PDB file of N, CA and C in Angstrom:
ATOM      1  N   VAL A   1     -66.713 -22.608  69.368  1.00  0.00           N
ATOM      2  CA  VAL A   1     -65.398 -22.279  69.916  1.00  0.00           C
ATOM      3  C   VAL A   1     -65.570 -21.464  71.190  1.00  0.00           C
ATOM      4  N   GLN A   2     -64.941 -21.889  72.250  1.00  0.00           N
ATOM      5  CA  GLN A   2     -64.952 -21.115  73.500  1.00  0.00           C
ATOM      6  C   GLN A   2     -63.592 -20.461  73.687  1.00  0.00           C
ATOM      7  N   LEU A   3     -63.628 -19.234  74.161  1.00  0.00           N
ATOM      8  CA  LEU A   3     -62.403 -18.480  74.355  1.00  0.00           C
ATOM      9  C   LEU A   3     -62.245 -18.134  75.827  1.00  0.00           C
ATOM     10  N   GLN A   4     -61.050 -18.315  76.344  1.00  0.00           N
ATOM     11  CA  GLN A   4     -60.761 -18.019  77.737  1.00  0.00           C
ATOM     12  C   GLN A   4     -59.652 -16.981  77.801  1.00  0.00           C
ATOM     13  N   ALA A   5     -60.007 -15.780  78.252  1.00  0.00           N
ATOM     14  CA  ALA A   5     -59.034 -14.703  78.364  1.00  0.00           C
ATOM     15  C   ALA A   5     -58.524 -14.595  79.792  1.00  0.00           C
ATOM     16  N   SER A   6     -57.271 -14.212  79.919  1.00  0.00           N
ATOM     17  CA  SER A   6     -56.672 -14.055  81.244  1.00  0.00           C
ATOM     18  C   SER A   6     -55.547 -13.034  81.164  1.00  0.00           C
ATOM     19  N   GLY A   7     -55.045 -12.646  82.333  1.00  0.00           N
ATOM     20  CA  GLY A   7     -53.893 -11.759  82.385  1.00  0.00           C
ATOM     21  C   GLY A   7     -54.195 -10.340  82.805  1.00  0.00           C
ATOM     22  N   GLY A   8     -55.470 -10.013  82.946  1.00  0.00           N
ATOM     23  CA  GLY A   8     -55.818  -8.673  83.380  1.00  0.00           C
ATOM     24  C   GLY A   8     -55.452  -8.448  84.839  1.00  0.00           C
ATOM     25  N   GLY A   9     -55.518  -7.191  85.246  1.00  0.00           N
ATOM     26  CA  GLY A   9     -55.199  -6.875  86.620  1.00  0.00           C
ATOM     27  C   GLY A   9     -55.043  -5.384  86.805  1.00  0.00           C
ATOM     28  N   LEU A  10     -54.494  -5.029  87.955  1.00  0.00           N
ATOM     29  CA  LEU A  10     -54.262  -3.632  88.310  1.00  0.00           C
ATOM     30  C   LEU A  10     -52.793  -3.305  88.093  1.00  0.00           C
ATOM     31  N   MET A  11     -52.558  -2.213  87.375  1.00  0.00           N
ATOM     32  CA  MET A  11     -51.194  -1.822  87.059  1.00  0.00           C
ATOM     33  C   MET A  11     -51.084  -0.308  87.123  1.00  0.00           C
ATOM     34  N   GLN A  12     -49.917   0.162  87.504  1.00  0.00           N
ATOM     35  CA  GLN A  12     -49.671   1.602  87.494  1.00  0.00           C
ATOM     36  C   GLN A  12     -49.372   2.069  86.079  1.00  0.00           C
ATOM     37  N   ALA A  13     -49.646   3.314  85.829  1.00  0.00           N
ATOM     38  CA  ALA A  13     -49.329   3.896  84.532  1.00  0.00           C
ATOM     39  C   ALA A  13     -47.850   3.707  84.230  1.00  0.00           C
ATOM     40  N   GLY A  14     -47.577   3.357  82.974  1.00  0.00           N
ATOM     41  CA  GLY A  14     -46.208   3.085  82.554  1.00  0.00           C
ATOM     42  C   GLY A  14     -45.821   1.630  82.652  1.00  0.00           C
ATOM     43  N   GLY A  15     -46.650   0.841  83.307  1.00  0.00           N
ATOM     44  CA  GLY A  15     -46.355  -0.576  83.495  1.00  0.00           C
ATOM     45  C   GLY A  15     -46.739  -1.412  82.303  1.00  0.00           C
ATOM     46  N   THR A  16     -46.565  -2.730  82.456  1.00  0.00           N
ATOM     47  CA  THR A  16     -46.865  -3.660  81.375  1.00  0.00           C
ATOM     48  C   THR A  16     -47.762  -4.788  81.866  1.00  0.00           C
ATOM     49  N   LEU A  17     -48.556  -5.293  80.959  1.00  0.00           N
ATOM     50  CA  LEU A  17     -49.374  -6.473  81.191  1.00  0.00           C
ATOM     51  C   LEU A  17     -49.393  -7.292  79.918  1.00  0.00           C
ATOM     52  N   ARG A  18     -49.575  -8.583  80.069  1.00  0.00           N
ATOM     53  CA  ARG A  18     -49.719  -9.451  78.912  1.00  0.00           C
ATOM     54  C   ARG A  18     -51.010 -10.238  79.045  1.00  0.00           C
ATOM     55  N   LEU A  19     -51.905 -10.030  78.110  1.00  0.00           N
ATOM     56  CA  LEU A  19     -53.165 -10.768  78.087  1.00  0.00           C
ATOM     57  C   LEU A  19     -53.002 -12.010  77.223  1.00  0.00           C
ATOM     58  N   SER A  20     -53.651 -13.060  77.644  1.00  0.00           N
ATOM     59  CA  SER A  20     -53.652 -14.312  76.887  1.00  0.00           C
ATOM     60  C   SER A  20     -55.089 -14.730  76.618  1.00  0.00           C
ATOM     61  N   CYS A  21     -55.276 -15.410  75.532  1.00  0.00           N
ATOM     62  CA  CYS A  21     -56.604 -15.920  75.181  1.00  0.00           C
ATOM     63  C   CYS A  21     -56.417 -17.263  74.491  1.00  0.00           C
ATOM     64  N   THR A  22     -57.071 -18.267  75.029  1.00  0.00           N
ATOM     65  CA  THR A  22     -56.946 -19.612  74.475  1.00  0.00           C
ATOM     66  C   THR A  22     -58.283 -20.067  73.926  1.00  0.00           C
ATOM     67  N   ALA A  23     -58.263 -20.582  72.705  1.00  0.00           N
ATOM     68  CA  ALA A  23     -59.473 -21.113  72.081  1.00  0.00           C
ATOM     69  C   ALA A  23     -59.600 -22.594  72.393  1.00  0.00           C
ATOM     70  N   SER A  24     -60.844 -23.048  72.401  1.00  0.00           N
ATOM     71  CA  SER A  24     -61.105 -24.429  72.807  1.00  0.00           C
ATOM     72  C   SER A  24     -60.744 -25.445  71.752  1.00  0.00           C
ATOM     73  N   ARG A  25     -60.586 -25.032  70.512  1.00  0.00           N
ATOM     74  CA  ARG A  25     -60.227 -26.000  69.479  1.00  0.00           C
ATOM     75  C   ARG A  25     -59.519 -25.293  68.347  1.00  0.00           C
ATOM     76  N   ARG A  26     -59.000 -26.066  67.451  1.00  0.00           N
ATOM     77  CA  ARG A  26     -58.108 -25.553  66.415  1.00  0.00           C
ATOM     78  C   ARG A  26     -58.816 -24.763  65.324  1.00  0.00           C
ATOM     79  N   THR A  27     -60.125 -24.710  65.368  1.00  0.00           N
ATOM     80  CA  THR A  27     -60.840 -23.914  64.372  1.00  0.00           C
ATOM     81  C   THR A  27     -60.265 -22.505  64.297  1.00  0.00           C
ATOM     82  N   ALA A  28     -59.899 -21.967  65.439  1.00  0.00           N
ATOM     83  CA  ALA A  28     -59.409 -20.595  65.482  1.00  0.00           C
ATOM     84  C   ALA A  28     -58.102 -20.433  64.725  1.00  0.00           C
ATOM     85  N   SER A  29     -57.340 -21.505  64.527  1.00  0.00           N
ATOM     86  CA  SER A  29     -56.043 -21.373  63.865  1.00  0.00           C
ATOM     87  C   SER A  29     -56.196 -21.051  62.390  1.00  0.00           C
ATOM     88  N   ASN A  30     -57.393 -21.184  61.824  1.00  0.00           N
ATOM     89  CA  ASN A  30     -57.636 -20.848  60.420  1.00  0.00           C
ATOM     90  C   ASN A  30     -58.251 -19.462  60.251  1.00  0.00           C
ATOM     91  N   ASN A  31     -58.421 -18.761  61.360  1.00  0.00           N
ATOM     92  CA  ASN A  31     -59.118 -17.487  61.339  1.00  0.00           C
ATOM     93  C   ASN A  31     -58.275 -16.379  61.961  1.00  0.00           C
ATOM     94  N   GLY A  32     -58.550 -15.171  61.519  1.00  0.00           N
ATOM     95  CA  GLY A  32     -57.956 -14.038  62.199  1.00  0.00           C
ATOM     96  C   GLY A  32     -58.496 -13.941  63.618  1.00  0.00           C
ATOM     97  N   MET A  33     -57.753 -13.277  64.473  1.00  0.00           N
ATOM     98  CA  MET A  33     -58.201 -13.072  65.849  1.00  0.00           C
ATOM     99  C   MET A  33     -57.957 -11.620  66.229  1.00  0.00           C
ATOM    100  N   GLY A  34     -58.669 -11.175  67.236  1.00  0.00           N
ATOM    101  CA  GLY A  34     -58.545  -9.782  67.611  1.00  0.00           C
ATOM    102  C   GLY A  34     -58.790  -9.543  69.085  1.00  0.00           C
ATOM    103  N   TRP A  35     -58.442  -8.357  69.507  1.00  0.00           N
ATOM    104  CA  TRP A  35     -58.718  -7.884  70.855  1.00  0.00           C
ATOM    105  C   TRP A  35     -59.536  -6.593  70.746  1.00  0.00           C
ATOM    106  N   PHE A  36     -60.556  -6.515  71.566  1.00  0.00           N
ATOM    107  CA  PHE A  36     -61.381  -5.327  71.680  1.00  0.00           C
ATOM    108  C   PHE A  36     -61.443  -4.954  73.159  1.00  0.00           C
ATOM    109  N   ARG A  37     -61.921  -3.750  73.437  1.00  0.00           N
ATOM    110  CA  ARG A  37     -62.087  -3.356  74.834  1.00  0.00           C
ATOM    111  C   ARG A  37     -63.327  -2.489  74.975  1.00  0.00           C
ATOM    112  N   ARG A  38     -63.836  -2.486  76.209  1.00  0.00           N
ATOM    113  CA  ARG A  38     -65.027  -1.694  76.493  1.00  0.00           C
ATOM    114  C   ARG A  38     -64.888  -1.063  77.861  1.00  0.00           C
ATOM    115  N   THR A  39     -65.222   0.224  77.922  1.00  0.00           N
ATOM    116  CA  THR A  39     -65.303   0.931  79.191  1.00  0.00           C
ATOM    117  C   THR A  39     -66.758   1.315  79.436  1.00  0.00           C
ATOM    118  N   PRO A  40     -67.152   1.486  80.681  1.00  0.00           N
ATOM    119  CA  PRO A  40     -68.557   1.815  80.977  1.00  0.00           C
ATOM    120  C   PRO A  40     -69.026   3.047  80.217  1.00  0.00           C
ATOM    121  N   GLY A  41     -70.170   2.918  79.584  1.00  0.00           N
ATOM    122  CA  GLY A  41     -70.753   4.043  78.879  1.00  0.00           C
ATOM    123  C   GLY A  41     -70.220   4.246  77.475  1.00  0.00           C
ATOM    124  N   LYS A  42     -69.313   3.376  77.053  1.00  0.00           N
ATOM    125  CA  LYS A  42     -68.746   3.526  75.710  1.00  0.00           C
ATOM    126  C   LYS A  42     -69.005   2.273  74.883  1.00  0.00           C
ATOM    127  N   GLU A  43     -68.931   2.457  73.582  1.00  0.00           N
ATOM    128  CA  GLU A  43     -69.051   1.332  72.676  1.00  0.00           C
ATOM    129  C   GLU A  43     -67.792   0.467  72.753  1.00  0.00           C
ATOM    130  N   ARG A  44     -67.951  -0.796  72.376  1.00  0.00           N
ATOM    131  CA  ARG A  44     -66.790  -1.667  72.285  1.00  0.00           C
ATOM    132  C   ARG A  44     -65.823  -1.106  71.239  1.00  0.00           C
ATOM    133  N   GLU A  45     -64.550  -1.116  71.564  1.00  0.00           N
ATOM    134  CA  GLU A  45     -63.533  -0.454  70.742  1.00  0.00           C
ATOM    135  C   GLU A  45     -62.506  -1.465  70.257  1.00  0.00           C
ATOM    136  N   PHE A  46     -62.164  -1.373  69.000  1.00  0.00           N
ATOM    137  CA  PHE A  46     -61.121  -2.223  68.440  1.00  0.00           C
ATOM    138  C   PHE A  46     -59.773  -1.866  69.046  1.00  0.00           C
ATOM    139  N   VAL A  47     -58.967  -2.881  69.330  1.00  0.00           N
ATOM    140  CA  VAL A  47     -57.630  -2.666  69.870  1.00  0.00           C
ATOM    141  C   VAL A  47     -56.564  -3.182  68.895  1.00  0.00           C
ATOM    142  N   ALA A  48     -56.646  -4.460  68.541  1.00  0.00           N
ATOM    143  CA  ALA A  48     -55.621  -5.061  67.678  1.00  0.00           C
ATOM    144  C   ALA A  48     -56.175  -6.311  67.022  1.00  0.00           C
ATOM    145  N   ALA A  49     -55.610  -6.646  65.869  1.00  0.00           N
ATOM    146  CA  ALA A  49     -56.017  -7.855  65.164  1.00  0.00           C
ATOM    147  C   ALA A  49     -54.805  -8.496  64.510  1.00  0.00           C
ATOM    148  N   ILE A  50     -54.923  -9.793  64.287  1.00  0.00           N
ATOM    149  CA  ILE A  50     -53.837 -10.551  63.659  1.00  0.00           C
ATOM    150  C   ILE A  50     -54.448 -11.571  62.707  1.00  0.00           C
ATOM    151  N   ASP A  51     -53.783 -11.808  61.586  1.00  0.00           N
ATOM    152  CA  ASP A  51     -54.327 -12.762  60.615  1.00  0.00           C
ATOM    153  C   ASP A  51     -54.044 -14.194  61.066  1.00  0.00           C
ATOM    154  N   TRP A  52     -54.558 -15.152  60.299  1.00  0.00           N
ATOM    155  CA  TRP A  52     -54.506 -16.536  60.726  1.00  0.00           C
ATOM    156  C   TRP A  52     -53.088 -17.078  60.840  1.00  0.00           C
ATOM    157  N   ARG A  53     -52.159 -16.540  60.055  1.00  0.00           N
ATOM    158  CA  ARG A  53     -50.789 -17.041  60.105  1.00  0.00           C
ATOM    159  C   ARG A  53     -49.930 -16.264  61.089  1.00  0.00           C
ATOM    160  N   GLY A  54     -50.443 -15.123  61.544  1.00  0.00           N
ATOM    161  CA  GLY A  54     -49.629 -14.295  62.418  1.00  0.00           C
ATOM    162  C   GLY A  54     -48.676 -13.394  61.657  1.00  0.00           C
ATOM    163  N   SER A  55     -48.893 -13.248  60.348  1.00  0.00           N
ATOM    164  CA  SER A  55     -47.967 -12.467  59.523  1.00  0.00           C
ATOM    165  C   SER A  55     -48.437 -11.040  59.288  1.00  0.00           C
ATOM    166  N   ALA A  56     -49.686 -10.750  59.583  1.00  0.00           N
ATOM    167  CA  ALA A  56     -50.220  -9.394  59.396  1.00  0.00           C
ATOM    168  C   ALA A  56     -50.946  -8.969  60.664  1.00  0.00           C
ATOM    169  N   THR A  57     -50.741  -7.734  61.050  1.00  0.00           N
ATOM    170  CA  THR A  57     -51.388  -7.194  62.243  1.00  0.00           C
ATOM    171  C   THR A  57     -51.930  -5.800  61.953  1.00  0.00           C
ATOM    172  N   SER A  58     -52.877  -5.390  62.760  1.00  0.00           N
ATOM    173  CA  SER A  58     -53.392  -4.026  62.685  1.00  0.00           C
ATOM    174  C   SER A  58     -53.705  -3.555  64.101  1.00  0.00           C
ATOM    175  N   TYR A  59     -53.615  -2.250  64.312  1.00  0.00           N
ATOM    176  CA  TYR A  59     -53.779  -1.682  65.646  1.00  0.00           C
ATOM    177  C   TYR A  59     -54.612  -0.409  65.586  1.00  0.00           C
ATOM    178  N   ALA A  60     -55.308  -0.160  66.665  1.00  0.00           N
ATOM    179  CA  ALA A  60     -55.940   1.137  66.837  1.00  0.00           C
ATOM    180  C   ALA A  60     -54.846   2.179  67.032  1.00  0.00           C
ATOM    181  N   ASP A  61     -55.103   3.377  66.565  1.00  0.00           N
ATOM    182  CA  ASP A  61     -54.097   4.437  66.697  1.00  0.00           C
ATOM    183  C   ASP A  61     -53.732   4.682  68.159  1.00  0.00           C
ATOM    184  N   SER A  62     -54.695   4.492  69.040  1.00  0.00           N
ATOM    185  CA  SER A  62     -54.468   4.795  70.451  1.00  0.00           C
ATOM    186  C   SER A  62     -53.485   3.835  71.122  1.00  0.00           C
ATOM    187  N   VAL A  63     -53.240   2.676  70.518  1.00  0.00           N
ATOM    188  CA  VAL A  63     -52.333   1.706  71.132  1.00  0.00           C
ATOM    189  C   VAL A  63     -51.117   1.408  70.271  1.00  0.00           C
ATOM    190  N   LYS A  64     -51.102   1.953  69.081  1.00  0.00           N
ATOM    191  CA  LYS A  64     -49.995   1.670  68.151  1.00  0.00           C
ATOM    192  C   LYS A  64     -48.667   2.093  68.781  1.00  0.00           C
ATOM    193  N   GLY A  65     -47.694   1.193  68.685  1.00  0.00           N
ATOM    194  CA  GLY A  65     -46.388   1.469  69.267  1.00  0.00           C
ATOM    195  C   GLY A  65     -46.267   1.071  70.728  1.00  0.00           C
ATOM    196  N   ARG A  66     -47.378   0.771  71.384  1.00  0.00           N
ATOM    197  CA  ARG A  66     -47.357   0.357  72.797  1.00  0.00           C
ATOM    198  C   ARG A  66     -47.815  -1.086  72.976  1.00  0.00           C
ATOM    199  N   PHE A  67     -48.767  -1.518  72.163  1.00  0.00           N
ATOM    200  CA  PHE A  67     -49.323  -2.865  72.273  1.00  0.00           C
ATOM    201  C   PHE A  67     -48.841  -3.711  71.105  1.00  0.00           C
ATOM    202  N   THR A  68     -48.682  -4.997  71.372  1.00  0.00           N
ATOM    203  CA  THR A  68     -48.292  -5.956  70.330  1.00  0.00           C
ATOM    204  C   THR A  68     -49.163  -7.192  70.426  1.00  0.00           C
ATOM    205  N   ILE A  69     -49.788  -7.544  69.312  1.00  0.00           N
ATOM    206  CA  ILE A  69     -50.588  -8.760  69.263  1.00  0.00           C
ATOM    207  C   ILE A  69     -49.767  -9.862  68.618  1.00  0.00           C
ATOM    208  N   SER A  70     -49.914 -11.067  69.123  1.00  0.00           N
ATOM    209  CA  SER A  70     -49.219 -12.221  68.550  1.00  0.00           C
ATOM    210  C   SER A  70     -50.093 -13.447  68.762  1.00  0.00           C
ATOM    211  N   ARG A  71     -49.725 -14.543  68.120  1.00  0.00           N
ATOM    212  CA  ARG A  71     -50.504 -15.762  68.281  1.00  0.00           C
ATOM    213  C   ARG A  71     -49.593 -16.971  68.190  1.00  0.00           C
ATOM    214  N   ASP A  72     -50.064 -18.051  68.766  1.00  0.00           N
ATOM    215  CA  ASP A  72     -49.384 -19.338  68.699  1.00  0.00           C
ATOM    216  C   ASP A  72     -50.426 -20.373  68.316  1.00  0.00           C
ATOM    217  N   ASN A  73     -50.472 -20.737  67.052  1.00  0.00           N
ATOM    218  CA  ASN A  73     -51.515 -21.652  66.578  1.00  0.00           C
ATOM    219  C   ASN A  73     -51.371 -23.057  67.157  1.00  0.00           C
ATOM    220  N   ALA A  74     -50.162 -23.420  67.525  1.00  0.00           N
ATOM    221  CA  ALA A  74     -49.973 -24.733  68.140  1.00  0.00           C
ATOM    222  C   ALA A  74     -50.681 -24.816  69.489  1.00  0.00           C
ATOM    223  N   LYS A  75     -50.854 -23.656  70.128  1.00  0.00           N
ATOM    224  CA  LYS A  75     -51.530 -23.595  71.421  1.00  0.00           C
ATOM    225  C   LYS A  75     -52.929 -23.008  71.318  1.00  0.00           C
ATOM    226  N   ASN A  76     -53.381 -22.723  70.095  1.00  0.00           N
ATOM    227  CA  ASN A  76     -54.697 -22.096  69.886  1.00  0.00           C
ATOM    228  C   ASN A  76     -54.820 -20.816  70.709  1.00  0.00           C
ATOM    229  N   ALA A  77     -53.761 -20.026  70.736  1.00  0.00           N
ATOM    230  CA  ALA A  77     -53.732 -18.882  71.636  1.00  0.00           C
ATOM    231  C   ALA A  77     -53.377 -17.596  70.902  1.00  0.00           C
ATOM    232  N   VAL A  78     -53.890 -16.500  71.438  1.00  0.00           N
ATOM    233  CA  VAL A  78     -53.532 -15.165  70.980  1.00  0.00           C
ATOM    234  C   VAL A  78     -53.159 -14.344  72.208  1.00  0.00           C
ATOM    235  N   TYR A  79     -52.216 -13.432  72.030  1.00  0.00           N
ATOM    236  CA  TYR A  79     -51.694 -12.660  73.142  1.00  0.00           C
ATOM    237  C   TYR A  79     -51.755 -11.166  72.825  1.00  0.00           C
ATOM    238  N   LEU A  80     -51.791 -10.371  73.862  1.00  0.00           N
ATOM    239  CA  LEU A  80     -51.708  -8.929  73.719  1.00  0.00           C
ATOM    240  C   LEU A  80     -50.712  -8.414  74.750  1.00  0.00           C
ATOM    241  N   GLN A  81     -49.536  -8.031  74.273  1.00  0.00           N
ATOM    242  CA  GLN A  81     -48.522  -7.438  75.130  1.00  0.00           C
ATOM    243  C   GLN A  81     -48.791  -5.949  75.214  1.00  0.00           C
ATOM    244  N   MET A  82     -49.009  -5.457  76.414  1.00  0.00           N
ATOM    245  CA  MET A  82     -49.368  -4.053  76.598  1.00  0.00           C
ATOM    246  C   MET A  82     -48.268  -3.363  77.394  1.00  0.00           C
ATOM    247  N   ASN A  83     -47.586  -2.460  76.752  1.00  0.00           N
ATOM    248  CA  ASN A  83     -46.506  -1.700  77.387  1.00  0.00           C
ATOM    249  C   ASN A  83     -46.913  -0.246  77.543  1.00  0.00           C
ATOM    250  N   SER A  84     -46.191   0.452  78.386  1.00  0.00           N
ATOM    251  CA  SER A  84     -46.444   1.889  78.596  1.00  0.00           C
ATOM    252  C   SER A  84     -47.924   2.159  78.824  1.00  0.00           C
ATOM    253  N   LEU A  85     -48.505   1.413  79.725  1.00  0.00           N
ATOM    254  CA  LEU A  85     -49.939   1.531  79.974  1.00  0.00           C
ATOM    255  C   LEU A  85     -50.319   2.928  80.460  1.00  0.00           C
ATOM    256  N   LYS A  86     -51.506   3.353  80.054  1.00  0.00           N
ATOM    257  CA  LYS A  86     -52.045   4.645  80.436  1.00  0.00           C
ATOM    258  C   LYS A  86     -53.376   4.425  81.154  1.00  0.00           C
ATOM    259  N   PRO A  87     -53.778   5.364  81.989  1.00  0.00           N
ATOM    260  CA  PRO A  87     -55.087   5.226  82.653  1.00  0.00           C
ATOM    261  C   PRO A  87     -56.228   5.049  81.660  1.00  0.00           C
ATOM    262  N   GLU A  88     -56.124   5.643  80.500  1.00  0.00           N
ATOM    263  CA  GLU A  88     -57.184   5.507  79.489  1.00  0.00           C
ATOM    264  C   GLU A  88     -57.234   4.120  78.860  1.00  0.00           C
ATOM    265  N   ASP A  89     -56.273   3.269  79.177  1.00  0.00           N
ATOM    266  CA  ASP A  89     -56.327   1.877  78.723  1.00  0.00           C
ATOM    267  C   ASP A  89     -57.218   1.024  79.635  1.00  0.00           C
ATOM    268  N   THR A  90     -57.674   1.601  80.736  1.00  0.00           N
ATOM    269  CA  THR A  90     -58.543   0.873  81.655  1.00  0.00           C
ATOM    270  C   THR A  90     -59.823   0.449  80.946  1.00  0.00           C
ATOM    271  N   ALA A  91     -60.098  -0.850  80.955  1.00  0.00           N
ATOM    272  CA  ALA A  91     -61.261  -1.387  80.244  1.00  0.00           C
ATOM    273  C   ALA A  91     -61.337  -2.887  80.496  1.00  0.00           C
ATOM    274  N   VAL A  92     -62.455  -3.460  80.091  1.00  0.00           N
ATOM    275  CA  VAL A  92     -62.548  -4.914  79.984  1.00  0.00           C
ATOM    276  C   VAL A  92     -62.102  -5.280  78.573  1.00  0.00           C
ATOM    277  N   TYR A  93     -61.142  -6.171  78.492  1.00  0.00           N
ATOM    278  CA  TYR A  93     -60.573  -6.573  77.206  1.00  0.00           C
ATOM    279  C   TYR A  93     -61.154  -7.923  76.787  1.00  0.00           C
ATOM    280  N   TYR A  94     -61.567  -7.991  75.528  1.00  0.00           N
ATOM    281  CA  TYR A  94     -62.170  -9.193  74.977  1.00  0.00           C
ATOM    282  C   TYR A  94     -61.356  -9.705  73.797  1.00  0.00           C
ATOM    283  N   CYS A  95     -61.137 -11.005  73.759  1.00  0.00           N
ATOM    284  CA  CYS A  95     -60.552 -11.602  72.564  1.00  0.00           C
ATOM    285  C   CYS A  95     -61.678 -12.172  71.719  1.00  0.00           C
ATOM    286  N   ALA A  96     -61.409 -12.300  70.428  1.00  0.00           N
ATOM    287  CA  ALA A  96     -62.445 -12.764  69.521  1.00  0.00           C
ATOM    288  C   ALA A  96     -61.829 -13.465  68.323  1.00  0.00           C
ATOM    289  N   VAL A  97     -62.612 -14.365  67.746  1.00  0.00           N
ATOM    290  CA  VAL A  97     -62.212 -15.086  66.535  1.00  0.00           C
ATOM    291  C   VAL A  97     -62.984 -14.534  65.355  1.00  0.00           C
ATOM    292  N   SER A  98     -62.257 -14.170  64.319  1.00  0.00           N
ATOM    293  CA  SER A  98     -62.870 -13.554  63.150  1.00  0.00           C
ATOM    294  C   SER A  98     -63.556 -14.591  62.254  1.00  0.00           C
ATOM    295  N   LEU A  99     -64.482 -14.096  61.450  1.00  0.00           N
ATOM    296  CA  LEU A  99     -65.095 -14.921  60.416  1.00  0.00           C
ATOM    297  C   LEU A  99     -64.136 -15.167  59.258  1.00  0.00           C
ATOM    298  N   PHE A 100     -63.080 -14.355  59.189  1.00  0.00           N
ATOM    299  CA  PHE A 100     -62.190 -14.365  58.040  1.00  0.00           C
ATOM    300  C   PHE A 100     -60.758 -14.683  58.450  1.00  0.00           C
ATOM    301  N   ALA A 101     -59.935 -14.980  57.452  1.00  0.00           N
ATOM    302  CA  ALA A 101     -58.551 -15.338  57.724  1.00  0.00           C
ATOM    303  C   ALA A 101     -57.664 -14.121  57.978  1.00  0.00           C
ATOM    304  N   GLY A 102     -58.061 -12.977  57.433  1.00  0.00           N
ATOM    305  CA  GLY A 102     -57.235 -11.785  57.569  1.00  0.00           C
ATOM    306  C   GLY A 102     -57.568 -10.990  58.818  1.00  0.00           C
ATOM    307  N   THR A 103     -57.024  -9.787  58.875  1.00  0.00           N
ATOM    308  CA  THR A 103     -57.299  -8.918  60.015  1.00  0.00           C
ATOM    309  C   THR A 103     -58.570  -8.104  59.753  1.00  0.00           C
ATOM    310  N   SER A 104     -59.220  -7.694  60.821  1.00  0.00           N
ATOM    311  CA  SER A 104     -60.403  -6.855  60.706  1.00  0.00           C
ATOM    312  C   SER A 104     -60.540  -5.998  61.943  1.00  0.00           C
ATOM    313  N   MET A 105     -60.928  -4.756  61.728  1.00  0.00           N
ATOM    314  CA  MET A 105     -61.155  -3.831  62.831  1.00  0.00           C
ATOM    315  C   MET A 105     -62.632  -3.782  63.228  1.00  0.00           C
ATOM    316  N   LEU A 106     -63.477  -4.481  62.504  1.00  0.00           N
ATOM    317  CA  LEU A 106     -64.917  -4.385  62.700  1.00  0.00           C
ATOM    318  C   LEU A 106     -65.432  -5.516  63.581  1.00  0.00           C
ATOM    319  N   SER A 107     -66.094  -5.174  64.667  1.00  0.00           N
ATOM    320  CA  SER A 107     -66.564  -6.192  65.598  1.00  0.00           C
ATOM    321  C   SER A 107     -67.582  -7.124  64.958  1.00  0.00           C
ATOM    322  N   GLN A 108     -68.331  -6.634  63.973  1.00  0.00           N
ATOM    323  CA  GLN A 108     -69.332  -7.491  63.325  1.00  0.00           C
ATOM    324  C   GLN A 108     -68.688  -8.592  62.502  1.00  0.00           C
ATOM    325  N   ASN A 109     -67.392  -8.506  62.256  1.00  0.00           N
ATOM    326  CA  ASN A 109     -66.692  -9.554  61.520  1.00  0.00           C
ATOM    327  C   ASN A 109     -66.155 -10.653  62.433  1.00  0.00           C
ATOM    328  N   TYR A 110     -66.463 -10.567  63.695  1.00  0.00           N
ATOM    329  CA  TYR A 110     -65.998 -11.565  64.648  1.00  0.00           C
ATOM    330  C   TYR A 110     -67.159 -12.415  65.112  1.00  0.00           C
ATOM    331  N   ARG A 111     -66.912 -13.719  65.164  1.00  0.00           N
ATOM    332  CA  ARG A 111     -68.002 -14.646  65.460  1.00  0.00           C
ATOM    333  C   ARG A 111     -68.006 -15.103  66.907  1.00  0.00           C
ATOM    334  N   TYR A 112     -66.840 -15.394  67.451  1.00  0.00           N
ATOM    335  CA  TYR A 112     -66.752 -15.939  68.809  1.00  0.00           C
ATOM    336  C   TYR A 112     -66.035 -14.934  69.699  1.00  0.00           C
ATOM    337  N   TRP A 113     -66.550 -14.810  70.919  1.00  0.00           N
ATOM    338  CA  TRP A 113     -66.016 -13.837  71.862  1.00  0.00           C
ATOM    339  C   TRP A 113     -65.709 -14.497  73.196  1.00  0.00           C
ATOM    340  N   GLY A 114     -64.621 -14.044  73.816  1.00  0.00           N
ATOM    341  CA  GLY A 114     -64.304 -14.492  75.168  1.00  0.00           C
ATOM    342  C   GLY A 114     -65.103 -13.709  76.189  1.00  0.00           C
ATOM    343  N   GLN A 115     -64.916 -14.044  77.454  1.00  0.00           N
ATOM    344  CA  GLN A 115     -65.716 -13.452  78.520  1.00  0.00           C
ATOM    345  C   GLN A 115     -65.166 -12.124  79.002  1.00  0.00           C
ATOM    346  N   GLY A 116     -63.965 -11.774  78.621  1.00  0.00           N
ATOM    347  CA  GLY A 116     -63.390 -10.498  79.010  1.00  0.00           C
ATOM    348  C   GLY A 116     -62.504 -10.610  80.233  1.00  0.00           C
ATOM    349  N   THR A 117     -61.493  -9.774  80.255  1.00  0.00           N
ATOM    350  CA  THR A 117     -60.600  -9.695  81.417  1.00  0.00           C
ATOM    351  C   THR A 117     -60.364  -8.211  81.707  1.00  0.00           C
ATOM    352  N   LEU A 118     -60.475  -7.843  82.970  1.00  0.00           N
ATOM    353  CA  LEU A 118     -60.436  -6.436  83.358  1.00  0.00           C
ATOM    354  C   LEU A 118     -58.998  -5.960  83.524  1.00  0.00           C
ATOM    355  N   VAL A 119     -58.705  -4.853  82.880  1.00  0.00           N
ATOM    356  CA  VAL A 119     -57.421  -4.179  83.037  1.00  0.00           C
ATOM    357  C   VAL A 119     -57.688  -2.814  83.662  1.00  0.00           C
ATOM    358  N   THR A 120     -57.028  -2.542  84.770  1.00  0.00           N
ATOM    359  CA  THR A 120     -57.170  -1.257  85.446  1.00  0.00           C
ATOM    360  C   THR A 120     -55.796  -0.621  85.571  1.00  0.00           C
ATOM    361  N   VAL A 121     -55.684   0.583  85.049  1.00  0.00           N
ATOM    362  CA  VAL A 121     -54.408   1.292  85.086  1.00  0.00           C
ATOM    363  C   VAL A 121     -54.572   2.540  85.953  1.00  0.00           C
ATOM    364  N   SER A 122     -53.810   2.600  87.006  1.00  0.00           N
ATOM    365  CA  SER A 122     -53.900   3.746  87.913  1.00  0.00           C
ATOM    366  C   SER A 122     -52.857   4.794  87.548  1.00  0.00           C
ATOM    367  N   SER A 123     -53.197   6.034  87.817  1.00  0.00           N
ATOM    368  CA  SER A 123     -52.282   7.131  87.475  1.00  0.00           C
ATOM    369  C   SER A 123     -51.312   7.421  88.608  1.00  0.00           C
TER     370      SER A 123
END
């Protein structure tokens, strides 16, 4: 499965961005999907996850209430709506397909990873 992430860019604090990630085939529609992010010098960090049906979600505390993950299995796609952006949200964001149908916060539970899309939030 190949994943193509897009939607990153430069935004002022308080602004919004929507990230998209499309999988190359329908295999992903049977699996949970997630978004992670990485900043220089830091470990990859969990952001949000969604189960295979789109009925269950989980979020990192740092983004809860500001970010929303969703998916469209007909399009093999997962999205991350990011509102009220903060400078600390600046990172490369990666989408991933889980080994399991449910949600997971653990990167080791994800099998396929996209190439990343850079989000920069200025203060």
